[in-house]
């Protein structure tokens, strides 16, 4: 059995813990990982506004710019990580760290992105979206089906499931933010 990961059920409960990490300079690079629509952006923005950390968004480094409507349908059948301009991502992280302030990096498949740019996060928060009604983690059933080969997946959903199966970010995180909400629809724009 893996380590017990502290869970927080709202941003206001988690932010003081993250603020303490930033104030103590315990981590210079903080990561916010999770599935699409899980609340990563809100957490990273609030941490940046609250603690003065530099906010770097992985999606800003897509080689093929997102369509004006911010939908990701054009990425179907292609690997998400292959569309990132990792040189830009690495440069943004380096510039942010040169400021002397802590940096929060947010994105899906985050541990893979950081690995590819030769970075390691001092602390990772996993944003875990659960059903308002049942409290079940949204990707749990899809992950089981993916691992069993019981169903075909494509696009960003396939990339997320392959990443979660191989890397297990939801188990490796230092902290977990549990957000209640409805499951994003296919092609949902929030990464």
N, C-alpha and C. Protein backbone atom coordinates (compact mmCIF):
# COMPACT_ATOMS: atom_id res chain seq x y z
N UNK A 1 0.83 -1.18 0.00
CA UNK A 1 0.00 0.00 0.00
C UNK A 1 0.88 1.24 0.00
N UNK A 2 0.48 2.28 -0.75
CA UNK A 2 1.27 3.50 -0.89
C UNK A 2 1.15 4.39 0.33
N UNK A 3 1.82 5.51 0.25
CA UNK A 3 1.82 6.47 1.36
C UNK A 3 0.44 7.12 1.49
N UNK A 4 0.11 7.53 2.70
CA UNK A 4 -1.13 8.26 2.93
C UNK A 4 -0.89 9.71 2.49
N UNK A 5 -1.67 10.15 1.53
CA UNK A 5 -1.51 11.50 0.99
C UNK A 5 -2.56 12.40 1.63
N UNK A 6 -2.13 13.50 2.26
CA UNK A 6 -3.11 14.41 2.85
C UNK A 6 -4.05 14.98 1.79
N UNK A 7 -5.37 14.94 2.09
CA UNK A 7 -6.37 15.46 1.18
C UNK A 7 -7.01 16.71 1.76
N UNK A 8 -7.27 17.66 0.88
CA UNK A 8 -7.93 18.90 1.26
C UNK A 8 -9.18 19.02 0.39
N UNK A 9 -10.28 19.46 0.99
CA UNK A 9 -11.55 19.47 0.27
C UNK A 9 -11.99 20.84 -0.20
N UNK A 10 -11.12 21.82 -0.05
CA UNK A 10 -11.37 23.12 -0.68
C UNK A 10 -10.07 23.91 -0.74
N UNK A 11 -10.07 24.88 -1.62
CA UNK A 11 -8.87 25.70 -1.84
C UNK A 11 -8.45 26.42 -0.57
N UNK A 12 -9.43 26.92 0.18
CA UNK A 12 -9.11 27.70 1.37
C UNK A 12 -8.41 26.86 2.44
N UNK A 13 -8.66 25.58 2.48
CA UNK A 13 -7.97 24.70 3.43
C UNK A 13 -6.56 24.38 2.97
N UNK A 14 -6.36 24.27 1.66
CA UNK A 14 -5.05 23.89 1.11
C UNK A 14 -4.08 25.07 1.01
N UNK A 15 -4.59 26.24 0.67
CA UNK A 15 -3.70 27.39 0.43
C UNK A 15 -2.78 27.73 1.60
N UNK A 16 -3.21 27.69 2.87
CA UNK A 16 -2.27 27.97 3.96
C UNK A 16 -1.10 26.98 4.00
N UNK A 17 -1.37 25.72 3.68
CA UNK A 17 -0.30 24.71 3.65
C UNK A 17 0.71 25.05 2.55
N UNK A 18 0.20 25.43 1.37
CA UNK A 18 1.09 25.79 0.27
C UNK A 18 1.83 27.09 0.57
N UNK A 19 1.14 28.04 1.18
CA UNK A 19 1.78 29.31 1.56
C UNK A 19 2.95 29.05 2.50
N UNK A 20 2.79 28.12 3.44
CA UNK A 20 3.87 27.78 4.38
C UNK A 20 5.06 27.19 3.64
N UNK A 21 4.80 26.35 2.64
CA UNK A 21 5.88 25.77 1.84
C UNK A 21 6.64 26.87 1.10
N UNK A 22 5.90 27.82 0.53
CA UNK A 22 6.52 28.93 -0.20
C UNK A 22 7.31 29.81 0.77
N UNK A 23 6.69 30.17 1.90
CA UNK A 23 7.36 31.05 2.87
C UNK A 23 8.62 30.42 3.45
N UNK A 24 8.61 29.11 3.67
CA UNK A 24 9.77 28.41 4.21
C UNK A 24 10.81 28.08 3.15
N UNK A 25 10.47 28.42 1.89
CA UNK A 25 11.34 28.10 0.75
C UNK A 25 11.66 26.61 0.72
N UNK A 26 10.68 25.80 1.18
CA UNK A 26 10.86 24.35 1.20
C UNK A 26 10.84 23.76 -0.21
N UNK A 27 10.24 24.47 -1.13
CA UNK A 27 10.20 24.01 -2.52
C UNK A 27 10.27 25.23 -3.42
N UNK A 28 11.16 25.19 -4.40
CA UNK A 28 11.27 26.29 -5.35
C UNK A 28 10.36 26.08 -6.55
N UNK A 29 9.99 24.81 -6.80
CA UNK A 29 9.11 24.49 -7.92
C UNK A 29 7.97 23.63 -7.38
N UNK A 30 6.75 24.15 -7.52
CA UNK A 30 5.56 23.44 -7.10
C UNK A 30 4.80 23.03 -8.35
N UNK A 31 4.27 21.83 -8.36
CA UNK A 31 3.50 21.35 -9.50
C UNK A 31 2.05 21.15 -9.15
N UNK A 32 1.16 21.45 -10.09
CA UNK A 32 -0.27 21.16 -9.94
C UNK A 32 -0.66 20.28 -11.11
N UNK A 33 -0.99 19.05 -10.82
CA UNK A 33 -1.29 18.03 -11.81
C UNK A 33 -2.74 17.60 -11.63
N UNK A 34 -3.30 16.93 -12.62
CA UNK A 34 -4.65 16.42 -12.53
C UNK A 34 -5.28 16.32 -13.90
N UNK A 35 -6.44 15.72 -13.95
CA UNK A 35 -7.16 15.55 -15.21
C UNK A 35 -7.76 16.88 -15.67
N UNK A 36 -8.22 16.89 -16.91
CA UNK A 36 -8.87 18.06 -17.47
C UNK A 36 -10.08 18.44 -16.62
N UNK A 37 -10.22 19.72 -16.34
CA UNK A 37 -11.39 20.23 -15.63
C UNK A 37 -11.40 19.94 -14.14
N UNK A 38 -10.26 19.57 -13.56
CA UNK A 38 -10.23 19.18 -12.15
C UNK A 38 -10.02 20.35 -11.19
N UNK A 39 -9.71 21.53 -11.68
CA UNK A 39 -9.50 22.68 -10.81
C UNK A 39 -8.05 23.11 -10.66
N UNK A 40 -7.18 22.63 -11.55
CA UNK A 40 -5.75 22.96 -11.49
C UNK A 40 -5.51 24.46 -11.68
N UNK A 41 -6.15 25.04 -12.68
CA UNK A 41 -5.92 26.45 -13.01
C UNK A 41 -6.31 27.36 -11.86
N UNK A 42 -7.47 27.11 -11.28
CA UNK A 42 -7.93 27.95 -10.17
C UNK A 42 -6.95 27.88 -9.01
N UNK A 43 -6.50 26.67 -8.67
CA UNK A 43 -5.56 26.52 -7.57
C UNK A 43 -4.26 27.26 -7.87
N UNK A 44 -3.69 27.07 -9.06
CA UNK A 44 -2.42 27.71 -9.40
C UNK A 44 -2.55 29.23 -9.41
N UNK A 45 -3.64 29.74 -9.97
CA UNK A 45 -3.85 31.20 -10.00
C UNK A 45 -4.01 31.77 -8.59
N UNK A 46 -4.77 31.07 -7.76
CA UNK A 46 -4.98 31.56 -6.39
C UNK A 46 -3.67 31.53 -5.61
N UNK A 47 -2.86 30.49 -5.80
CA UNK A 47 -1.58 30.41 -5.11
C UNK A 47 -0.67 31.54 -5.57
N UNK A 48 -0.64 31.81 -6.87
CA UNK A 48 0.19 32.90 -7.40
C UNK A 48 -0.26 34.24 -6.84
N UNK A 49 -1.56 34.48 -6.82
CA UNK A 49 -2.08 35.76 -6.30
C UNK A 49 -1.85 35.87 -4.80
N UNK A 50 -2.01 34.77 -4.10
CA UNK A 50 -1.92 34.77 -2.64
C UNK A 50 -0.48 34.84 -2.13
N UNK A 51 0.43 34.16 -2.80
CA UNK A 51 1.80 34.00 -2.28
C UNK A 51 2.87 34.65 -3.12
N UNK A 52 2.50 35.23 -4.26
CA UNK A 52 3.50 35.89 -5.09
C UNK A 52 4.40 34.95 -5.86
N UNK A 53 3.99 33.69 -6.00
CA UNK A 53 4.80 32.77 -6.80
C UNK A 53 4.58 33.08 -8.28
N UNK A 54 5.50 32.67 -9.11
CA UNK A 54 5.38 32.85 -10.55
C UNK A 54 4.57 31.67 -11.09
N UNK A 55 3.58 31.96 -11.92
CA UNK A 55 2.69 30.94 -12.46
C UNK A 55 3.08 30.63 -13.90
N UNK A 56 3.38 29.35 -14.18
CA UNK A 56 3.72 28.91 -15.53
C UNK A 56 2.72 27.83 -15.93
N UNK A 57 2.06 28.03 -17.06
CA UNK A 57 1.05 27.10 -17.53
C UNK A 57 1.60 26.30 -18.70
N UNK A 58 1.57 24.98 -18.56
CA UNK A 58 2.10 24.09 -19.60
C UNK A 58 1.39 24.30 -20.93
N UNK A 59 0.07 24.46 -20.90
CA UNK A 59 -0.68 24.60 -22.15
C UNK A 59 -0.25 25.81 -22.98
N UNK A 60 0.36 26.79 -22.37
CA UNK A 60 0.83 27.96 -23.10
C UNK A 60 1.96 27.58 -24.07
N UNK A 61 2.47 26.38 -23.95
CA UNK A 61 3.59 25.95 -24.79
C UNK A 61 3.17 24.97 -25.88
N UNK A 62 1.90 24.94 -26.22
CA UNK A 62 1.47 24.07 -27.31
C UNK A 62 2.06 24.56 -28.62
N UNK A 63 2.65 23.64 -29.39
CA UNK A 63 3.23 24.02 -30.68
C UNK A 63 2.14 24.44 -31.65
N UNK A 64 1.07 23.68 -31.69
CA UNK A 64 -0.06 24.06 -32.53
C UNK A 64 -1.00 24.85 -31.64
N UNK A 65 -1.10 26.14 -31.88
CA UNK A 65 -1.93 26.98 -31.02
C UNK A 65 -3.35 26.46 -30.97
N UNK A 66 -3.96 26.63 -29.83
CA UNK A 66 -5.34 26.20 -29.66
C UNK A 66 -6.24 27.03 -30.56
N UNK A 67 -7.29 26.42 -31.01
CA UNK A 67 -8.27 27.16 -31.80
C UNK A 67 -8.84 28.30 -30.96
N UNK A 68 -9.39 29.30 -31.63
CA UNK A 68 -9.91 30.47 -30.93
C UNK A 68 -10.95 30.11 -29.87
N UNK A 69 -11.71 29.03 -30.10
CA UNK A 69 -12.73 28.64 -29.12
C UNK A 69 -12.14 27.81 -27.98
N UNK A 70 -10.81 27.63 -27.97
CA UNK A 70 -10.08 26.92 -26.92
C UNK A 70 -10.42 25.43 -26.85
N UNK A 71 -10.97 24.86 -27.89
CA UNK A 71 -11.27 23.43 -27.92
C UNK A 71 -10.02 22.69 -28.39
N UNK A 72 -9.92 21.45 -28.02
CA UNK A 72 -8.73 20.65 -28.32
C UNK A 72 -9.03 19.52 -29.30
N UNK A 73 -10.15 19.62 -30.00
CA UNK A 73 -10.54 18.56 -30.93
C UNK A 73 -9.48 18.30 -32.00
N UNK A 74 -8.75 19.34 -32.39
CA UNK A 74 -7.75 19.19 -33.44
C UNK A 74 -6.56 18.35 -33.01
N UNK A 75 -6.45 18.05 -31.72
CA UNK A 75 -5.36 17.22 -31.23
C UNK A 75 -5.72 15.73 -31.25
N UNK A 76 -6.96 15.42 -31.62
CA UNK A 76 -7.42 14.03 -31.61
C UNK A 76 -6.47 13.15 -32.43
N UNK A 77 -6.10 12.02 -31.84
CA UNK A 77 -5.23 11.07 -32.51
C UNK A 77 -3.76 11.41 -32.41
N UNK A 78 -3.43 12.51 -31.76
CA UNK A 78 -2.03 12.92 -31.60
C UNK A 78 -1.72 12.97 -30.11
N UNK A 79 -0.49 12.70 -29.76
CA UNK A 79 -0.09 12.74 -28.36
C UNK A 79 0.06 14.19 -27.89
N UNK A 80 -0.56 14.48 -26.75
CA UNK A 80 -0.52 15.82 -26.16
C UNK A 80 0.93 16.29 -25.98
N UNK A 81 1.76 15.44 -25.39
CA UNK A 81 3.13 15.87 -25.09
C UNK A 81 3.94 16.19 -26.35
N UNK A 82 3.58 15.57 -27.47
CA UNK A 82 4.30 15.82 -28.72
C UNK A 82 3.98 17.20 -29.29
N UNK A 83 2.94 17.84 -28.79
CA UNK A 83 2.56 19.16 -29.28
C UNK A 83 3.14 20.29 -28.43
N UNK A 84 3.78 19.95 -27.33
CA UNK A 84 4.34 20.98 -26.47
C UNK A 84 5.71 21.40 -26.99
N UNK A 85 5.96 22.67 -26.96
CA UNK A 85 7.29 23.17 -27.28
C UNK A 85 8.07 23.16 -25.97
N UNK A 86 8.79 22.08 -25.73
CA UNK A 86 9.47 21.88 -24.45
C UNK A 86 10.61 22.87 -24.22
N UNK A 87 11.19 23.40 -25.29
CA UNK A 87 12.23 24.42 -25.13
C UNK A 87 11.62 25.68 -24.53
N UNK A 88 10.44 26.06 -25.02
CA UNK A 88 9.75 27.23 -24.47
C UNK A 88 9.39 26.97 -23.01
N UNK A 89 8.87 25.77 -22.72
CA UNK A 89 8.49 25.43 -21.35
C UNK A 89 9.70 25.52 -20.43
N UNK A 90 10.81 24.94 -20.84
CA UNK A 90 12.02 24.96 -20.04
C UNK A 90 12.51 26.39 -19.81
N UNK A 91 12.50 27.21 -20.87
CA UNK A 91 12.94 28.60 -20.75
C UNK A 91 12.05 29.39 -19.80
N UNK A 92 10.74 29.19 -19.91
CA UNK A 92 9.82 29.91 -19.01
C UNK A 92 10.07 29.53 -17.56
N UNK A 93 10.28 28.25 -17.31
CA UNK A 93 10.55 27.81 -15.94
C UNK A 93 11.88 28.37 -15.45
N UNK A 94 12.91 28.37 -16.30
CA UNK A 94 14.21 28.92 -15.92
C UNK A 94 14.13 30.40 -15.62
N UNK A 95 13.46 31.16 -16.49
CA UNK A 95 13.30 32.61 -16.27
C UNK A 95 12.54 32.87 -14.97
N UNK A 96 11.51 32.08 -14.72
CA UNK A 96 10.72 32.27 -13.50
C UNK A 96 11.58 31.98 -12.27
N UNK A 97 12.38 30.93 -12.32
CA UNK A 97 13.21 30.58 -11.17
C UNK A 97 14.32 31.61 -10.94
N UNK A 98 14.79 32.24 -12.02
CA UNK A 98 15.82 33.27 -11.89
C UNK A 98 15.33 34.48 -11.13
N UNK A 99 14.02 34.65 -11.05
CA UNK A 99 13.44 35.78 -10.31
C UNK A 99 13.66 35.61 -8.81
N UNK A 100 14.05 34.41 -8.38
CA UNK A 100 14.25 34.16 -6.97
C UNK A 100 12.98 33.77 -6.24
N UNK A 101 11.85 33.85 -6.92
CA UNK A 101 10.58 33.47 -6.30
C UNK A 101 10.28 32.01 -6.63
N UNK A 102 9.43 31.42 -5.82
CA UNK A 102 8.97 30.06 -6.11
C UNK A 102 8.13 30.09 -7.39
N UNK A 103 8.06 28.95 -8.04
CA UNK A 103 7.33 28.82 -9.31
C UNK A 103 6.30 27.71 -9.15
N UNK A 104 5.07 27.98 -9.63
CA UNK A 104 4.05 26.94 -9.68
C UNK A 104 3.79 26.64 -11.15
N UNK A 105 3.93 25.36 -11.52
CA UNK A 105 3.72 24.91 -12.89
C UNK A 105 2.47 24.04 -12.89
N UNK A 106 1.54 24.33 -13.81
CA UNK A 106 0.26 23.63 -13.86
C UNK A 106 0.06 23.00 -15.22
N UNK A 107 -0.42 21.74 -15.24
CA UNK A 107 -0.76 21.11 -16.50
C UNK A 107 -1.13 19.65 -16.34
N UNK A 108 -1.75 19.11 -17.39
CA UNK A 108 -2.00 17.67 -17.41
C UNK A 108 -0.69 16.98 -17.76
N UNK A 109 -0.57 15.72 -17.37
CA UNK A 109 0.64 14.94 -17.64
C UNK A 109 1.89 15.66 -17.12
N UNK A 110 1.75 16.37 -16.02
CA UNK A 110 2.79 17.29 -15.55
C UNK A 110 4.12 16.61 -15.22
N UNK A 111 4.08 15.47 -14.56
CA UNK A 111 5.35 14.83 -14.19
C UNK A 111 6.14 14.42 -15.43
N UNK A 112 5.45 14.02 -16.49
CA UNK A 112 6.13 13.72 -17.76
C UNK A 112 6.73 14.99 -18.36
N UNK A 113 5.99 16.09 -18.32
CA UNK A 113 6.50 17.35 -18.86
C UNK A 113 7.75 17.78 -18.11
N UNK A 114 7.68 17.76 -16.78
CA UNK A 114 8.84 18.17 -15.97
C UNK A 114 10.03 17.27 -16.23
N UNK A 115 9.78 15.97 -16.37
CA UNK A 115 10.86 15.03 -16.66
C UNK A 115 11.51 15.36 -18.00
N UNK A 116 10.71 15.68 -18.99
CA UNK A 116 11.25 15.97 -20.32
C UNK A 116 12.06 17.25 -20.37
N UNK A 117 11.78 18.18 -19.46
CA UNK A 117 12.57 19.42 -19.45
C UNK A 117 13.63 19.39 -18.34
N UNK A 118 13.83 18.22 -17.73
CA UNK A 118 14.90 18.06 -16.75
C UNK A 118 14.65 18.77 -15.43
N UNK A 119 13.39 18.86 -15.03
CA UNK A 119 13.04 19.52 -13.78
C UNK A 119 12.38 18.51 -12.84
N UNK A 120 12.43 18.83 -11.56
CA UNK A 120 11.79 18.01 -10.55
C UNK A 120 11.07 18.95 -9.60
N UNK A 121 9.82 18.67 -9.35
CA UNK A 121 9.02 19.52 -8.46
C UNK A 121 9.33 19.18 -7.02
N UNK A 122 9.49 20.21 -6.20
CA UNK A 122 9.71 20.01 -4.78
C UNK A 122 8.44 19.58 -4.06
N UNK A 123 7.29 19.88 -4.67
CA UNK A 123 6.01 19.51 -4.10
C UNK A 123 5.00 19.42 -5.23
N UNK A 124 4.19 18.35 -5.24
CA UNK A 124 3.16 18.18 -6.26
C UNK A 124 1.80 18.09 -5.58
N UNK A 125 0.87 18.91 -6.08
CA UNK A 125 -0.52 18.82 -5.66
C UNK A 125 -1.28 18.17 -6.80
N UNK A 126 -2.08 17.17 -6.47
CA UNK A 126 -2.92 16.52 -7.48
C UNK A 126 -4.34 17.01 -7.28
N UNK A 127 -4.92 17.63 -8.31
CA UNK A 127 -6.31 18.06 -8.27
C UNK A 127 -7.18 16.89 -8.71
N UNK A 128 -8.03 16.44 -7.82
CA UNK A 128 -8.84 15.23 -8.03
C UNK A 128 -10.31 15.62 -8.03
N UNK A 129 -10.94 15.54 -9.19
CA UNK A 129 -12.34 15.90 -9.29
C UNK A 129 -13.20 14.68 -9.00
N UNK A 130 -14.12 14.83 -8.06
CA UNK A 130 -15.02 13.74 -7.70
C UNK A 130 -16.47 14.14 -7.97
N UNK A 131 -17.31 13.14 -8.14
CA UNK A 131 -18.73 13.37 -8.40
C UNK A 131 -19.39 14.03 -7.20
N UNK A 132 -20.25 15.01 -7.47
CA UNK A 132 -21.02 15.66 -6.40
C UNK A 132 -21.94 14.65 -5.72
N UNK A 133 -22.45 13.70 -6.49
CA UNK A 133 -23.44 12.77 -5.96
C UNK A 133 -22.83 11.58 -5.24
N UNK A 134 -21.86 10.94 -5.86
CA UNK A 134 -21.33 9.69 -5.30
C UNK A 134 -20.00 9.85 -4.59
N UNK A 135 -19.29 10.95 -4.86
CA UNK A 135 -17.96 11.12 -4.28
C UNK A 135 -16.89 10.31 -4.98
N UNK A 136 -17.24 9.63 -6.08
CA UNK A 136 -16.27 8.82 -6.82
C UNK A 136 -15.39 9.71 -7.70
N UNK A 137 -14.13 9.33 -7.81
CA UNK A 137 -13.18 10.03 -8.65
C UNK A 137 -13.56 9.78 -10.10
N UNK A 138 -13.70 10.83 -10.90
CA UNK A 138 -14.20 10.70 -12.26
C UNK A 138 -13.44 9.68 -13.12
N UNK A 139 -12.12 9.73 -13.21
CA UNK A 139 -11.43 8.82 -14.13
C UNK A 139 -11.25 7.38 -13.62
N UNK A 140 -11.72 7.09 -12.42
CA UNK A 140 -11.43 5.78 -11.84
C UNK A 140 -11.91 4.62 -12.70
N UNK A 141 -13.15 4.67 -13.18
CA UNK A 141 -13.68 3.58 -13.98
C UNK A 141 -13.00 3.52 -15.34
N UNK A 142 -12.78 4.69 -15.95
CA UNK A 142 -12.10 4.71 -17.25
C UNK A 142 -10.69 4.15 -17.13
N UNK A 143 -10.00 4.45 -16.03
CA UNK A 143 -8.65 3.93 -15.82
C UNK A 143 -8.66 2.41 -15.71
N UNK A 144 -9.64 1.86 -15.00
CA UNK A 144 -9.76 0.41 -14.92
C UNK A 144 -10.02 -0.20 -16.29
N UNK A 145 -10.91 0.42 -17.07
CA UNK A 145 -11.22 -0.09 -18.41
C UNK A 145 -10.00 0.02 -19.32
N UNK A 146 -9.27 1.12 -19.22
CA UNK A 146 -8.06 1.31 -20.02
C UNK A 146 -7.04 0.22 -19.70
N UNK A 147 -6.78 0.02 -18.41
CA UNK A 147 -5.77 -0.95 -18.00
C UNK A 147 -6.17 -2.38 -18.35
N UNK A 148 -7.48 -2.65 -18.40
CA UNK A 148 -7.96 -3.99 -18.76
C UNK A 148 -8.11 -4.17 -20.26
N UNK A 149 -7.94 -3.07 -21.03
CA UNK A 149 -8.11 -3.13 -22.47
C UNK A 149 -9.57 -3.36 -22.87
N UNK A 150 -10.49 -2.99 -21.99
CA UNK A 150 -11.90 -3.27 -22.21
C UNK A 150 -12.60 -2.26 -23.12
N UNK A 151 -11.94 -1.15 -23.40
CA UNK A 151 -12.58 -0.11 -24.21
C UNK A 151 -11.50 0.69 -24.91
N UNK A 152 -11.83 1.22 -26.09
CA UNK A 152 -10.90 2.06 -26.83
C UNK A 152 -11.08 3.51 -26.41
N UNK A 153 -9.98 4.20 -26.27
CA UNK A 153 -9.99 5.62 -25.95
C UNK A 153 -9.18 6.33 -27.01
N UNK A 154 -9.37 7.65 -27.14
CA UNK A 154 -8.60 8.40 -28.13
C UNK A 154 -8.32 9.80 -27.60
N UNK A 155 -7.44 10.50 -28.32
CA UNK A 155 -7.16 11.90 -28.04
C UNK A 155 -6.60 12.15 -26.66
N UNK A 156 -6.98 13.30 -26.10
CA UNK A 156 -6.48 13.69 -24.79
C UNK A 156 -6.90 12.72 -23.69
N UNK A 157 -8.08 12.13 -23.83
CA UNK A 157 -8.52 11.15 -22.84
C UNK A 157 -7.57 9.96 -22.80
N UNK A 158 -7.14 9.49 -23.97
CA UNK A 158 -6.18 8.39 -24.04
C UNK A 158 -4.85 8.79 -23.41
N UNK A 159 -4.38 9.99 -23.74
CA UNK A 159 -3.11 10.47 -23.17
C UNK A 159 -3.18 10.53 -21.65
N UNK A 160 -4.28 11.07 -21.13
CA UNK A 160 -4.44 11.17 -19.68
C UNK A 160 -4.46 9.80 -19.02
N UNK A 161 -5.21 8.86 -19.61
CA UNK A 161 -5.32 7.53 -19.01
C UNK A 161 -3.99 6.78 -19.08
N UNK A 162 -3.30 6.87 -20.20
CA UNK A 162 -1.99 6.22 -20.33
C UNK A 162 -1.02 6.80 -19.29
N UNK A 163 -1.04 8.12 -19.14
CA UNK A 163 -0.19 8.79 -18.15
C UNK A 163 -0.54 8.33 -16.73
N UNK A 164 -1.83 8.32 -16.40
CA UNK A 164 -2.25 7.92 -15.06
C UNK A 164 -1.92 6.45 -14.78
N UNK A 165 -2.03 5.61 -15.78
CA UNK A 165 -1.72 4.19 -15.61
C UNK A 165 -0.23 3.97 -15.38
N UNK A 166 0.58 4.68 -16.15
CA UNK A 166 2.03 4.49 -16.10
C UNK A 166 2.68 5.24 -14.94
N UNK A 167 2.29 6.50 -14.71
CA UNK A 167 2.98 7.37 -13.75
C UNK A 167 2.30 7.37 -12.38
N UNK A 168 0.98 7.17 -12.33
CA UNK A 168 0.20 7.16 -11.10
C UNK A 168 0.34 8.48 -10.32
N UNK A 169 0.14 9.64 -10.98
CA UNK A 169 0.33 10.92 -10.30
C UNK A 169 -0.60 11.10 -9.11
N UNK A 170 -1.77 10.51 -9.17
CA UNK A 170 -2.74 10.60 -8.08
C UNK A 170 -2.26 9.87 -6.83
N UNK A 171 -1.32 8.97 -6.99
CA UNK A 171 -0.74 8.25 -5.85
C UNK A 171 0.60 8.83 -5.43
N UNK A 172 1.29 9.48 -6.33
CA UNK A 172 2.62 10.01 -6.05
C UNK A 172 2.62 11.44 -5.52
N UNK A 173 1.48 12.11 -5.58
CA UNK A 173 1.40 13.51 -5.15
C UNK A 173 1.71 13.65 -3.66
N UNK A 174 2.17 14.84 -3.30
CA UNK A 174 2.42 15.15 -1.89
C UNK A 174 1.14 15.57 -1.18
N UNK A 175 0.26 16.24 -1.93
CA UNK A 175 -1.02 16.71 -1.40
C UNK A 175 -2.08 16.51 -2.47
N UNK A 176 -3.32 16.34 -2.05
CA UNK A 176 -4.43 16.17 -2.99
C UNK A 176 -5.51 17.20 -2.68
N UNK A 177 -5.96 17.88 -3.73
CA UNK A 177 -7.10 18.78 -3.62
C UNK A 177 -8.29 18.04 -4.22
N UNK A 178 -9.30 17.78 -3.42
CA UNK A 178 -10.50 17.08 -3.88
C UNK A 178 -11.56 18.12 -4.18
N UNK A 179 -11.97 18.18 -5.45
CA UNK A 179 -12.99 19.14 -5.89
C UNK A 179 -14.21 18.37 -6.35
N UNK A 180 -15.38 18.80 -5.90
CA UNK A 180 -16.62 18.19 -6.37
C UNK A 180 -17.07 18.89 -7.63
N UNK A 181 -17.59 18.13 -8.57
CA UNK A 181 -18.09 18.73 -9.78
C UNK A 181 -18.60 17.69 -10.75
N UNK A 182 -19.19 18.19 -11.82
CA UNK A 182 -19.67 17.32 -12.87
C UNK A 182 -18.52 16.94 -13.77
N UNK A 183 -18.62 15.79 -14.40
CA UNK A 183 -17.60 15.31 -15.32
C UNK A 183 -17.57 16.20 -16.54
N UNK A 184 -16.39 16.65 -16.97
CA UNK A 184 -16.33 17.45 -18.20
C UNK A 184 -16.77 16.63 -19.41
N UNK A 185 -17.40 17.29 -20.34
CA UNK A 185 -17.84 16.59 -21.54
C UNK A 185 -16.64 16.34 -22.46
N UNK A 186 -16.73 15.38 -23.40
CA UNK A 186 -15.63 15.13 -24.34
C UNK A 186 -15.27 16.42 -25.06
N UNK A 187 -13.99 16.66 -25.23
CA UNK A 187 -13.53 17.88 -25.91
C UNK A 187 -13.56 19.09 -25.00
N UNK A 188 -13.78 18.87 -23.70
CA UNK A 188 -13.83 19.96 -22.73
C UNK A 188 -12.55 20.76 -22.82
N UNK A 189 -12.65 22.07 -22.64
CA UNK A 189 -11.51 22.93 -22.91
C UNK A 189 -10.59 23.15 -21.72
N UNK A 190 -10.97 22.77 -20.53
CA UNK A 190 -10.13 23.06 -19.38
C UNK A 190 -9.06 22.00 -19.21
N UNK A 191 -7.81 22.38 -19.43
CA UNK A 191 -6.70 21.48 -19.19
C UNK A 191 -6.12 21.82 -17.85
